[in-house]
């Protein structure tokens, strides 16, 4: 009885204090970097037990204003891929996973491991499609129906949420406040990500590189990560307040992927880099978000 009471009180405390119904960026905010950093100090965590010794850890981001995309002068920037800079506002707090979804986590929820080329409990799950990732979130919602914070549900992060989380208040190509120096082997990227220059051609165990300022790992490189949004080459044409990309009828059916991969050159691992995909591949993975969704 005492154990159940403590669990109830911990969930109640999370719902009441860590997850307000809405959050707006400060009206006097003039710099995306400064406002984002100020909004996300002392970040609370939320942990879900999926199986014995298998947990899913997420960190709470309050939201705010940031500059999405990349400047034209950024080394490695791909023209025509929708990286034009724009000010974006995320008005509600959301949780995002500290790590890419691992094979142990995926198997604990879905009772199977689709990864083919590289297998291991602490490797990112790969060979998953966008729909596989969404099915994982749906199953996770069923498993946590009575324990997760009220009005919050698991899903994939939007592209804006993903890039906001990746940048952690930075405007540089990398979230360690540095830019690329070389496309084949870049010491600045070596600090925070796995790519063609240091991965030995295979996906790596999560959490080995330096995290960003908000405690998130492997936002650069390792495995590509699916986002919620449909893909388009000009996302700036849509709303810059909680953007979610184009509607299905304005897309080719692909979804945004972010982060680059272990088999690619450094340029694809930049914070602003983006591409589109839908099907399962040996380099595709995802990380989950826990977002305010009272009517979904």
C-alpha atoms as a PDB file:
ATOM      1  CA  UNK A   1       0.000   0.000   0.000  1.00  0.00           C
ATOM      2  CA  UNK A   2       2.790   2.432   0.904  1.00  0.00           C
ATOM      3  CA  UNK A   3       4.557   1.675  -2.383  1.00  0.00           C
ATOM      4  CA  UNK A   4       1.381   2.378  -4.387  1.00  0.00           C
ATOM      5  CA  UNK A   5       0.799   5.606  -2.493  1.00  0.00           C
ATOM      6  CA  UNK A   6       4.332   6.822  -3.252  1.00  0.00           C
ATOM      7  CA  UNK A   7       3.860   5.999  -6.941  1.00  0.00           C
ATOM      8  CA  UNK A   8       0.567   7.880  -7.062  1.00  0.00           C
ATOM      9  CA  UNK A   9       2.078  10.929  -5.384  1.00  0.00           C
ATOM     10  CA  UNK A  10       5.072  10.958  -7.755  1.00  0.00           C
ATOM     11  CA  UNK A  11       2.816  10.898 -10.823  1.00  0.00           C
ATOM     12  CA  UNK A  12       0.590  13.575  -9.298  1.00  0.00           C
ATOM     13  CA  UNK A  13       3.609  15.756  -8.608  1.00  0.00           C
ATOM     14  CA  UNK A  14       4.864  15.388 -12.182  1.00  0.00           C
ATOM     15  CA  UNK A  15       1.479  16.317 -13.606  1.00  0.00           C
ATOM     16  CA  UNK A  16       0.945  19.301 -11.344  1.00  0.00           C
ATOM     17  CA  UNK A  17       4.387  20.890 -11.332  1.00  0.00           C
ATOM     18  CA  UNK A  18       6.393  19.795 -14.352  1.00  0.00           C
ATOM     19  CA  UNK A  19       3.783  19.835 -17.065  1.00  0.00           C
ATOM     20  CA  UNK A  20       1.815  23.078 -17.165  1.00  0.00           C
ATOM     21  CA  UNK A  21      -1.054  23.239 -19.639  1.00  0.00           C
ATOM     22  CA  UNK A  22       0.816  25.728 -21.815  1.00  0.00           C
ATOM     23  CA  UNK A  23       4.035  27.640 -22.063  1.00  0.00           C
ATOM     24  CA  UNK A  24       4.793  30.795 -24.013  1.00  0.00           C
ATOM     25  CA  UNK A  25       8.225  32.192 -24.771  1.00  0.00           C
ATOM     26  CA  UNK A  26       9.060  35.333 -22.761  1.00  0.00           C
ATOM     27  CA  UNK A  27       7.751  38.480 -24.437  1.00  0.00           C
ATOM     28  CA  UNK A  28      11.060  40.274 -23.966  1.00  0.00           C
ATOM     29  CA  UNK A  29      13.052  37.480 -25.557  1.00  0.00           C
ATOM     30  CA  UNK A  30      15.318  38.925 -28.244  1.00  0.00           C
ATOM     31  CA  UNK A  31      17.833  36.155 -28.819  1.00  0.00           C
ATOM     32  CA  UNK A  32      16.883  32.560 -29.530  1.00  0.00           C
ATOM     33  CA  UNK A  33      20.012  31.206 -27.895  1.00  0.00           C
ATOM     34  CA  UNK A  34      19.615  33.150 -24.644  1.00  0.00           C
ATOM     35  CA  UNK A  35      15.883  32.541 -24.236  1.00  0.00           C
ATOM     36  CA  UNK A  36      16.232  28.819 -24.954  1.00  0.00           C
ATOM     37  CA  UNK A  37      19.041  28.365 -22.457  1.00  0.00           C
ATOM     38  CA  UNK A  38      17.197  30.314 -19.765  1.00  0.00           C
ATOM     39  CA  UNK A  39      14.039  28.259 -20.272  1.00  0.00           C
ATOM     40  CA  UNK A  40      15.776  24.900 -19.946  1.00  0.00           C
ATOM     41  CA  UNK A  41      18.045  25.030 -16.915  1.00  0.00           C
ATOM     42  CA  UNK A  42      17.664  22.325 -14.252  1.00  0.00           C
ATOM     43  CA  UNK A  43      15.678  20.045 -16.551  1.00  0.00           C
ATOM     44  CA  UNK A  44      13.377  17.453 -14.942  1.00  0.00           C
ATOM     45  CA  UNK A  45      13.508  13.871 -16.198  1.00  0.00           C
ATOM     46  CA  UNK A  46      10.757  11.301 -16.631  1.00  0.00           C
ATOM     47  CA  UNK A  47      11.554   7.587 -16.649  1.00  0.00           C
ATOM     48  CA  UNK A  48       9.376   4.706 -17.824  1.00  0.00           C
ATOM     49  CA  UNK A  49      10.187   1.106 -16.899  1.00  0.00           C
ATOM     50  CA  UNK A  50       9.611  -1.043 -19.979  1.00  0.00           C
ATOM     51  CA  UNK A  51      10.962  -4.325 -18.631  1.00  0.00           C
ATOM     52  CA  UNK A  52      13.334  -5.443 -15.874  1.00  0.00           C
ATOM     53  CA  UNK A  53      16.505  -3.378 -16.339  1.00  0.00           C
ATOM     54  CA  UNK A  54      15.082  -1.695 -19.466  1.00  0.00           C
ATOM     55  CA  UNK A  55      13.970   1.902 -19.009  1.00  0.00           C
ATOM     56  CA  UNK A  56      13.082   4.823 -21.241  1.00  0.00           C
ATOM     57  CA  UNK A  57      14.432   8.146 -19.998  1.00  0.00           C
ATOM     58  CA  UNK A  58      13.120  11.482 -21.238  1.00  0.00           C
ATOM     59  CA  UNK A  59      13.950  15.085 -20.396  1.00  0.00           C
ATOM     60  CA  UNK A  60      11.473  17.959 -20.169  1.00  0.00           C
ATOM     61  CA  UNK A  61      11.975  20.953 -22.459  1.00  0.00           C
ATOM     62  CA  UNK A  62       9.810  23.973 -21.700  1.00  0.00           C
ATOM     63  CA  UNK A  63       9.759  25.286 -25.234  1.00  0.00           C
ATOM     64  CA  UNK A  64      10.630  28.749 -26.483  1.00  0.00           C
ATOM     65  CA  UNK A  65      11.853  30.626 -29.535  1.00  0.00           C
ATOM     66  CA  UNK A  66      14.796  29.567 -31.682  1.00  0.00           C
ATOM     67  CA  UNK A  67      16.306  29.993 -35.129  1.00  0.00           C
ATOM     68  CA  UNK A  68      15.619  26.909 -37.213  1.00  0.00           C
ATOM     69  CA  UNK A  69      17.611  26.053 -40.323  1.00  0.00           C
ATOM     70  CA  UNK A  70      21.108  27.107 -41.317  1.00  0.00           C
ATOM     71  CA  UNK A  71      22.799  30.219 -42.737  1.00  0.00           C
ATOM     72  CA  UNK A  72      23.835  30.110 -46.387  1.00  0.00           C
ATOM     73  CA  UNK A  73      27.455  30.411 -45.300  1.00  0.00           C
ATOM     74  CA  UNK A  74      27.403  27.229 -43.205  1.00  0.00           C
ATOM     75  CA  UNK A  75      29.983  24.664 -44.340  1.00  0.00           C
ATOM     76  CA  UNK A  76      28.306  21.538 -45.716  1.00  0.00           C
ATOM     77  CA  UNK A  77      24.911  23.153 -46.268  1.00  0.00           C
ATOM     78  CA  UNK A  78      22.808  21.564 -49.011  1.00  0.00           C
ATOM     79  CA  UNK A  79      20.933  24.110 -51.124  1.00  0.00           C
ATOM     80  CA  UNK A  80      17.313  23.485 -52.016  1.00  0.00           C
ATOM     81  CA  UNK A  81      16.626  21.188 -49.065  1.00  0.00           C
ATOM     82  CA  UNK A  82      14.545  23.579 -46.960  1.00  0.00           C
ATOM     83  CA  UNK A  83      17.222  24.850 -44.585  1.00  0.00           C
ATOM     84  CA  UNK A  84      16.340  28.543 -44.934  1.00  0.00           C
ATOM     85  CA  UNK A  85      16.580  30.165 -41.514  1.00  0.00           C
ATOM     86  CA  UNK A  86      13.402  31.279 -39.749  1.00  0.00           C
ATOM     87  CA  UNK A  87      12.297  32.100 -36.236  1.00  0.00           C
ATOM     88  CA  UNK A  88      10.175  29.295 -34.787  1.00  0.00           C
ATOM     89  CA  UNK A  89       8.143  29.293 -31.591  1.00  0.00           C
ATOM     90  CA  UNK A  90       7.332  26.150 -29.601  1.00  0.00           C
ATOM     91  CA  UNK A  91       4.625  27.141 -27.142  1.00  0.00           C
ATOM     92  CA  UNK A  92       4.172  24.003 -25.058  1.00  0.00           C
ATOM     93  CA  UNK A  93       6.566  21.947 -22.951  1.00  0.00           C
ATOM     94  CA  UNK A  94       7.401  18.469 -24.190  1.00  0.00           C
ATOM     95  CA  UNK A  95       9.567  15.567 -23.172  1.00  0.00           C
ATOM     96  CA  UNK A  96      12.069  13.988 -25.561  1.00  0.00           C
ATOM     97  CA  UNK A  97      14.072  10.781 -25.142  1.00  0.00           C
ATOM     98  CA  UNK A  98      17.642  11.147 -23.932  1.00  0.00           C
ATOM     99  CA  UNK A  99      18.782   8.413 -26.348  1.00  0.00           C
ATOM    100  CA  UNK A 100      17.762   6.991 -29.693  1.00  0.00           C
ATOM    101  CA  UNK A 101      15.362   4.083 -29.178  1.00  0.00           C
ATOM    102  CA  UNK A 102      17.485   1.036 -28.448  1.00  0.00           C
ATOM    103  CA  UNK A 103      16.905  -2.528 -29.569  1.00  0.00           C
ATOM    104  CA  UNK A 104      16.238  -3.549 -25.957  1.00  0.00           C
ATOM    105  CA  UNK A 105      13.564  -0.858 -25.614  1.00  0.00           C
ATOM    106  CA  UNK A 106      11.934  -1.732 -28.921  1.00  0.00           C
ATOM    107  CA  UNK A 107      11.872  -5.442 -28.122  1.00  0.00           C
ATOM    108  CA  UNK A 108      10.437  -4.801 -24.642  1.00  0.00           C
ATOM    109  CA  UNK A 109       7.500  -2.931 -26.182  1.00  0.00           C
ATOM    110  CA  UNK A 110       6.982  -4.663 -29.546  1.00  0.00           C
ATOM    111  CA  UNK A 111       8.214  -8.186 -28.650  1.00  0.00           C
ATOM    112  CA  UNK A 112      10.469  -8.326 -31.686  1.00  0.00           C
ATOM    113  CA  UNK A 113      13.751  -6.886 -32.929  1.00  0.00           C
ATOM    114  CA  UNK A 114      13.751  -5.848 -36.608  1.00  0.00           C
ATOM    115  CA  UNK A 115      17.441  -4.872 -36.686  1.00  0.00           C
ATOM    116  CA  UNK A 116      19.339  -6.960 -39.232  1.00  0.00           C
ATOM    117  CA  UNK A 117      22.862  -5.692 -39.899  1.00  0.00           C
ATOM    118  CA  UNK A 118      23.894  -4.798 -36.340  1.00  0.00           C
ATOM    119  CA  UNK A 119      22.319  -6.365 -33.288  1.00  0.00           C
ATOM    120  CA  UNK A 120      22.793  -5.555 -29.611  1.00  0.00           C
ATOM    121  CA  UNK A 121      20.552  -4.368 -26.765  1.00  0.00           C
ATOM    122  CA  UNK A 122      22.213  -0.933 -26.481  1.00  0.00           C
ATOM    123  CA  UNK A 123      22.455  -0.233 -30.201  1.00  0.00           C
ATOM    124  CA  UNK A 124      19.762   1.926 -31.803  1.00  0.00           C
ATOM    125  CA  UNK A 125      16.960  -0.141 -33.261  1.00  0.00           C
ATOM    126  CA  UNK A 126      17.277  -0.018 -37.047  1.00  0.00           C
ATOM    127  CA  UNK A 127      15.480  -1.400 -40.103  1.00  0.00           C
ATOM    128  CA  UNK A 128      12.317   0.387 -38.963  1.00  0.00           C
ATOM    129  CA  UNK A 129       9.904   2.393 -41.093  1.00  0.00           C
ATOM    130  CA  UNK A 130       8.086   5.565 -40.063  1.00  0.00           C
ATOM    131  CA  UNK A 131       4.992   3.454 -39.436  1.00  0.00           C
ATOM    132  CA  UNK A 132       6.991   1.057 -37.258  1.00  0.00           C
ATOM    133  CA  UNK A 133       8.080   4.022 -35.150  1.00  0.00           C
ATOM    134  CA  UNK A 134       4.495   5.263 -34.827  1.00  0.00           C
ATOM    135  CA  UNK A 135       3.297   1.759 -33.910  1.00  0.00           C
ATOM    136  CA  UNK A 136       5.910   1.695 -31.147  1.00  0.00           C
ATOM    137  CA  UNK A 137       4.531   4.981 -29.800  1.00  0.00           C
ATOM    138  CA  UNK A 138       0.962   3.683 -29.954  1.00  0.00           C
ATOM    139  CA  UNK A 139       1.887   0.528 -28.068  1.00  0.00           C
ATOM    140  CA  UNK A 140       3.832   2.578 -25.535  1.00  0.00           C
ATOM    141  CA  UNK A 141       0.735   4.708 -24.939  1.00  0.00           C
ATOM    142  CA  UNK A 142      -1.282   1.591 -24.166  1.00  0.00           C
ATOM    143  CA  UNK A 143       1.341   0.321 -21.734  1.00  0.00           C
ATOM    144  CA  UNK A 144       1.523   3.661 -19.886  1.00  0.00           C
ATOM    145  CA  UNK A 145      -2.147   4.607 -20.056  1.00  0.00           C
ATOM    146  CA  UNK A 146      -2.535   4.741 -16.266  1.00  0.00           C
ATOM    147  CA  UNK A 147       0.897   6.055 -15.340  1.00  0.00           C
ATOM    148  CA  UNK A 148       2.007   8.763 -17.766  1.00  0.00           C
ATOM    149  CA  UNK A 149       1.189  12.438 -17.053  1.00  0.00           C
ATOM    150  CA  UNK A 150      -2.411  13.446 -17.799  1.00  0.00           C
ATOM    151  CA  UNK A 151      -3.090  14.739 -21.334  1.00  0.00           C
ATOM    152  CA  UNK A 152       0.385  13.751 -22.550  1.00  0.00           C
ATOM    153  CA  UNK A 153       0.980  11.015 -25.118  1.00  0.00           C
ATOM    154  CA  UNK A 154       3.975   9.401 -26.783  1.00  0.00           C
ATOM    155  CA  UNK A 155       4.638  10.167 -30.434  1.00  0.00           C
ATOM    156  CA  UNK A 156       7.508  11.168 -32.680  1.00  0.00           C
ATOM    157  CA  UNK A 157       8.857  14.701 -32.248  1.00  0.00           C
ATOM    158  CA  UNK A 158       8.018  17.201 -34.948  1.00  0.00           C
ATOM    159  CA  UNK A 159      10.956  18.402 -36.983  1.00  0.00           C
ATOM    160  CA  UNK A 160      10.865  21.702 -35.083  1.00  0.00           C
ATOM    161  CA  UNK A 161      10.822  19.951 -31.705  1.00  0.00           C
ATOM    162  CA  UNK A 162      13.675  17.705 -32.807  1.00  0.00           C
ATOM    163  CA  UNK A 163      15.886  20.542 -34.039  1.00  0.00           C
ATOM    164  CA  UNK A 164      15.064  22.688 -30.995  1.00  0.00           C
ATOM    165  CA  UNK A 165      16.109  19.799 -28.764  1.00  0.00           C
ATOM    166  CA  UNK A 166      19.222  19.085 -30.826  1.00  0.00           C
ATOM    167  CA  UNK A 167      20.460  22.682 -30.857  1.00  0.00           C
ATOM    168  CA  UNK A 168      19.975  23.225 -27.111  1.00  0.00           C
ATOM    169  CA  UNK A 169      20.336  26.967 -27.531  1.00  0.00           C
ATOM    170  CA  UNK A 170      23.072  26.926 -30.200  1.00  0.00           C
ATOM    171  CA  UNK A 171      23.103  28.385 -33.700  1.00  0.00           C
ATOM    172  CA  UNK A 172      26.225  26.620 -34.922  1.00  0.00           C
ATOM    173  CA  UNK A 173      26.230  23.589 -37.207  1.00  0.00           C
ATOM    174  CA  UNK A 174      26.858  21.345 -34.195  1.00  0.00           C
ATOM    175  CA  UNK A 175      25.336  21.482 -30.730  1.00  0.00           C
ATOM    176  CA  UNK A 176      28.740  21.739 -29.038  1.00  0.00           C
ATOM    177  CA  UNK A 177      28.901  25.346 -30.293  1.00  0.00           C
ATOM    178  CA  UNK A 178      31.258  24.393 -33.101  1.00  0.00           C
ATOM    179  CA  UNK A 179      31.091  24.195 -36.892  1.00  0.00           C
ATOM    180  CA  UNK A 180      32.367  21.656 -39.390  1.00  0.00           C
ATOM    181  CA  UNK A 181      35.989  21.903 -40.408  1.00  0.00           C
ATOM    182  CA  UNK A 182      36.161  19.025 -42.878  1.00  0.00           C
ATOM    183  CA  UNK A 183      33.629  16.753 -44.551  1.00  0.00           C
ATOM    184  CA  UNK A 184      35.612  13.519 -44.360  1.00  0.00           C
ATOM    185  CA  UNK A 185      37.003  13.722 -40.824  1.00  0.00           C
ATOM    186  CA  UNK A 186      35.983  16.538 -38.514  1.00  0.00           C
ATOM    187  CA  UNK A 187      37.380  16.760 -34.969  1.00  0.00           C
ATOM    188  CA  UNK A 188      34.469  18.973 -33.895  1.00  0.00           C
ATOM    189  CA  UNK A 189      31.934  16.347 -34.972  1.00  0.00           C
ATOM    190  CA  UNK A 190      34.031  13.557 -33.448  1.00  0.00           C
ATOM    191  CA  UNK A 191      33.148  15.001 -30.034  1.00  0.00           C
ATOM    192  CA  UNK A 192      29.390  14.556 -30.399  1.00  0.00           C
ATOM    193  CA  UNK A 193      28.544  12.139 -33.189  1.00  0.00           C
ATOM    194  CA  UNK A 194      29.202   8.974 -35.183  1.00  0.00           C
ATOM    195  CA  UNK A 195      29.586   9.415 -38.945  1.00  0.00           C
ATOM    196  CA  UNK A 196      31.594   7.998 -41.827  1.00  0.00           C
ATOM    197  CA  UNK A 197      34.831   9.409 -40.452  1.00  0.00           C
ATOM    198  CA  UNK A 198      34.814   7.549 -37.125  1.00  0.00           C
ATOM    199  CA  UNK A 199      32.157   4.817 -37.065  1.00  0.00           C
ATOM    200  CA  UNK A 200      33.977   1.995 -38.886  1.00  0.00           C
ATOM    201  CA  UNK A 201      30.905   1.706 -41.085  1.00  0.00           C
ATOM    202  CA  UNK A 202      28.416   0.570 -38.476  1.00  0.00           C
ATOM    203  CA  UNK A 203      25.938   1.900 -35.970  1.00  0.00           C
ATOM    204  CA  UNK A 204      27.292   2.402 -32.448  1.00  0.00           C
ATOM    205  CA  UNK A 205      26.069   1.919 -28.868  1.00  0.00           C
ATOM    206  CA  UNK A 206      24.071   4.948 -27.757  1.00  0.00           C
ATOM    207  CA  UNK A 207      25.408   7.505 -25.291  1.00  0.00           C
ATOM    208  CA  UNK A 208      29.147   7.214 -25.937  1.00  0.00           C
ATOM    209  CA  UNK A 209      29.677  10.718 -27.302  1.00  0.00           C
ATOM    210  CA  UNK A 210      29.277  14.011 -25.436  1.00  0.00           C
ATOM    211  CA  UNK A 211      25.660  15.064 -24.801  1.00  0.00           C
ATOM    212  CA  UNK A 212      24.406  18.529 -25.681  1.00  0.00           C
ATOM    213  CA  UNK A 213      23.716  21.183 -23.044  1.00  0.00           C
ATOM    214  CA  UNK A 214      20.316  19.617 -22.293  1.00  0.00           C
ATOM    215  CA  UNK A 215      21.665  16.118 -21.761  1.00  0.00           C
ATOM    216  CA  UNK A 216      20.624  14.586 -25.102  1.00  0.00           C
ATOM    217  CA  UNK A 217      22.916  12.093 -26.826  1.00  0.00           C
ATOM    218  CA  UNK A 218      23.520  11.149 -30.460  1.00  0.00           C
ATOM    219  CA  UNK A 219      21.535  13.989 -31.987  1.00  0.00           C
ATOM    220  CA  UNK A 220      24.398  14.137 -34.519  1.00  0.00           C
ATOM    221  CA  UNK A 221      25.057  10.996 -36.540  1.00  0.00           C
ATOM    222  CA  UNK A 222      24.743   7.345 -35.508  1.00  0.00           C
ATOM    223  CA  UNK A 223      21.303   6.527 -36.998  1.00  0.00           C
ATOM    224  CA  UNK A 224      18.913   8.785 -38.891  1.00  0.00           C
ATOM    225  CA  UNK A 225      15.810   9.612 -36.827  1.00  0.00           C
ATOM    226  CA  UNK A 226      12.265   9.850 -38.133  1.00  0.00           C
ATOM    227  CA  UNK A 227      10.197  12.922 -37.240  1.00  0.00           C
ATOM    228  CA  UNK A 228       6.426  13.256 -37.214  1.00  0.00           C
ATOM    229  CA  UNK A 229       6.153  15.710 -40.124  1.00  0.00           C
ATOM    230  CA  UNK A 230       5.608  14.963 -43.767  1.00  0.00           C
ATOM    231  CA  UNK A 231       8.579  15.979 -45.890  1.00  0.00           C
ATOM    232  CA  UNK A 232       8.673  19.004 -48.191  1.00  0.00           C
ATOM    233  CA  UNK A 233      11.474  21.150 -49.606  1.00  0.00           C
ATOM    234  CA  UNK A 234      10.051  24.443 -48.351  1.00  0.00           C
ATOM    235  CA  UNK A 235       8.822  24.085 -44.753  1.00  0.00           C
ATOM    236  CA  UNK A 236       9.153  27.852 -44.203  1.00  0.00           C
ATOM    237  CA  UNK A 237       5.886  28.360 -46.133  1.00  0.00           C
ATOM    238  CA  UNK A 238       3.952  26.847 -43.227  1.00  0.00           C
ATOM    239  CA  UNK A 239       3.309  28.214 -39.755  1.00  0.00           C
ATOM    240  CA  UNK A 240       6.323  29.071 -37.615  1.00  0.00           C
ATOM    241  CA  UNK A 241       4.357  28.558 -34.389  1.00  0.00           C
ATOM    242  CA  UNK A 242       4.453  24.873 -33.427  1.00  0.00           C
ATOM    243  CA  UNK A 243       5.101  23.944 -37.072  1.00  0.00           C
ATOM    244  CA  UNK A 244       4.194  20.471 -38.286  1.00  0.00           C
ATOM    245  CA  UNK A 245       5.077  20.642 -41.953  1.00  0.00           C
ATOM    246  CA  UNK A 246       2.740  20.111 -44.906  1.00  0.00           C
ATOM    247  CA  UNK A 247      -0.565  18.221 -44.937  1.00  0.00           C
ATOM    248  CA  UNK A 248      -0.468  14.751 -46.541  1.00  0.00           C
ATOM    249  CA  UNK A 249      -1.863  15.958 -49.889  1.00  0.00           C
ATOM    250  CA  UNK A 250       1.076  18.371 -50.293  1.00  0.00           C
ATOM    251  CA  UNK A 251       3.720  15.725 -49.691  1.00  0.00           C
ATOM    252  CA  UNK A 252       5.135  12.808 -51.647  1.00  0.00           C
ATOM    253  CA  UNK A 253       4.419  10.535 -48.679  1.00  0.00           C
ATOM    254  CA  UNK A 254       7.886  10.693 -47.148  1.00  0.00           C
ATOM    255  CA  UNK A 255       8.514  11.951 -43.619  1.00  0.00           C
ATOM    256  CA  UNK A 256      11.318  14.131 -42.336  1.00  0.00           C
ATOM    257  CA  UNK A 257      14.452  12.462 -41.023  1.00  0.00           C
ATOM    258  CA  UNK A 258      17.086  14.298 -39.000  1.00  0.00           C
ATOM    259  CA  UNK A 259      20.536  13.753 -37.551  1.00  0.00           C
ATOM    260  CA  UNK A 260      22.505  12.087 -40.313  1.00  0.00           C
ATOM    261  CA  UNK A 261      24.059   8.657 -39.979  1.00  0.00           C
ATOM    262  CA  UNK A 262      27.116   6.551 -39.306  1.00  0.00           C
ATOM    263  CA  UNK A 263      27.670   5.876 -43.018  1.00  0.00           C
ATOM    264  CA  UNK A 264      27.484   9.502 -44.209  1.00  0.00           C
ATOM    265  CA  UNK A 265      29.865  12.428 -44.482  1.00  0.00           C
ATOM    266  CA  UNK A 266      29.928  15.064 -41.762  1.00  0.00           C
ATOM    267  CA  UNK A 267      27.648  17.516 -43.602  1.00  0.00           C
ATOM    268  CA  UNK A 268      24.572  15.334 -43.129  1.00  0.00           C
ATOM    269  CA  UNK A 269      24.961  15.394 -39.333  1.00  0.00           C
ATOM    270  CA  UNK A 270      24.530  19.171 -38.954  1.00  0.00           C
ATOM    271  CA  UNK A 271      21.694  20.422 -36.729  1.00  0.00           C
ATOM    272  CA  UNK A 272      19.933  22.024 -39.698  1.00  0.00           C
ATOM    273  CA  UNK A 273      20.399  19.134 -42.150  1.00  0.00           C
ATOM    274  CA  UNK A 274      17.203  17.388 -43.223  1.00  0.00           C
ATOM    275  CA  UNK A 275      15.973  14.796 -45.664  1.00  0.00           C
ATOM    276  CA  UNK A 276      12.914  12.652 -46.305  1.00  0.00           C
ATOM    277  CA  UNK A 277      12.107   8.951 -46.113  1.00  0.00           C
ATOM    278  CA  UNK A 278       9.346   6.551 -45.176  1.00  0.00           C
ATOM    279  CA  UNK A 279      10.539   2.979 -45.600  1.00  0.00           C
ATOM    280  CA  UNK A 280      12.675   0.843 -43.318  1.00  0.00           C
ATOM    281  CA  UNK A 281      16.439   0.869 -43.885  1.00  0.00           C
ATOM    282  CA  UNK A 282      19.490  -0.376 -41.989  1.00  0.00           C
ATOM    283  CA  UNK A 283      20.345   3.222 -41.061  1.00  0.00           C
ATOM    284  CA  UNK A 284      16.885   4.372 -39.858  1.00  0.00           C
ATOM    285  CA  UNK A 285      15.851   4.739 -36.221  1.00  0.00           C
ATOM    286  CA  UNK A 286      13.906   7.203 -34.059  1.00  0.00           C
ATOM    287  CA  UNK A 287      13.569   8.718 -30.602  1.00  0.00           C
ATOM    288  CA  UNK A 288      10.233   9.316 -28.932  1.00  0.00           C
ATOM    289  CA  UNK A 289       8.634  12.451 -27.527  1.00  0.00           C
ATOM    290  CA  UNK A 290       5.963  12.851 -24.854  1.00  0.00           C
ATOM    291  CA  UNK A 291       3.760  15.763 -25.902  1.00  0.00           C
ATOM    292  CA  UNK A 292       0.635  17.587 -24.797  1.00  0.00           C
ATOM    293  CA  UNK A 293      -2.227  15.982 -26.734  1.00  0.00           C
ATOM    294  CA  UNK A 294      -5.504  16.213 -24.790  1.00  0.00           C
ATOM    295  CA  UNK A 295      -7.772  15.449 -27.742  1.00  0.00           C
ATOM    296  CA  UNK A 296      -5.715  12.811 -29.523  1.00  0.00           C
END
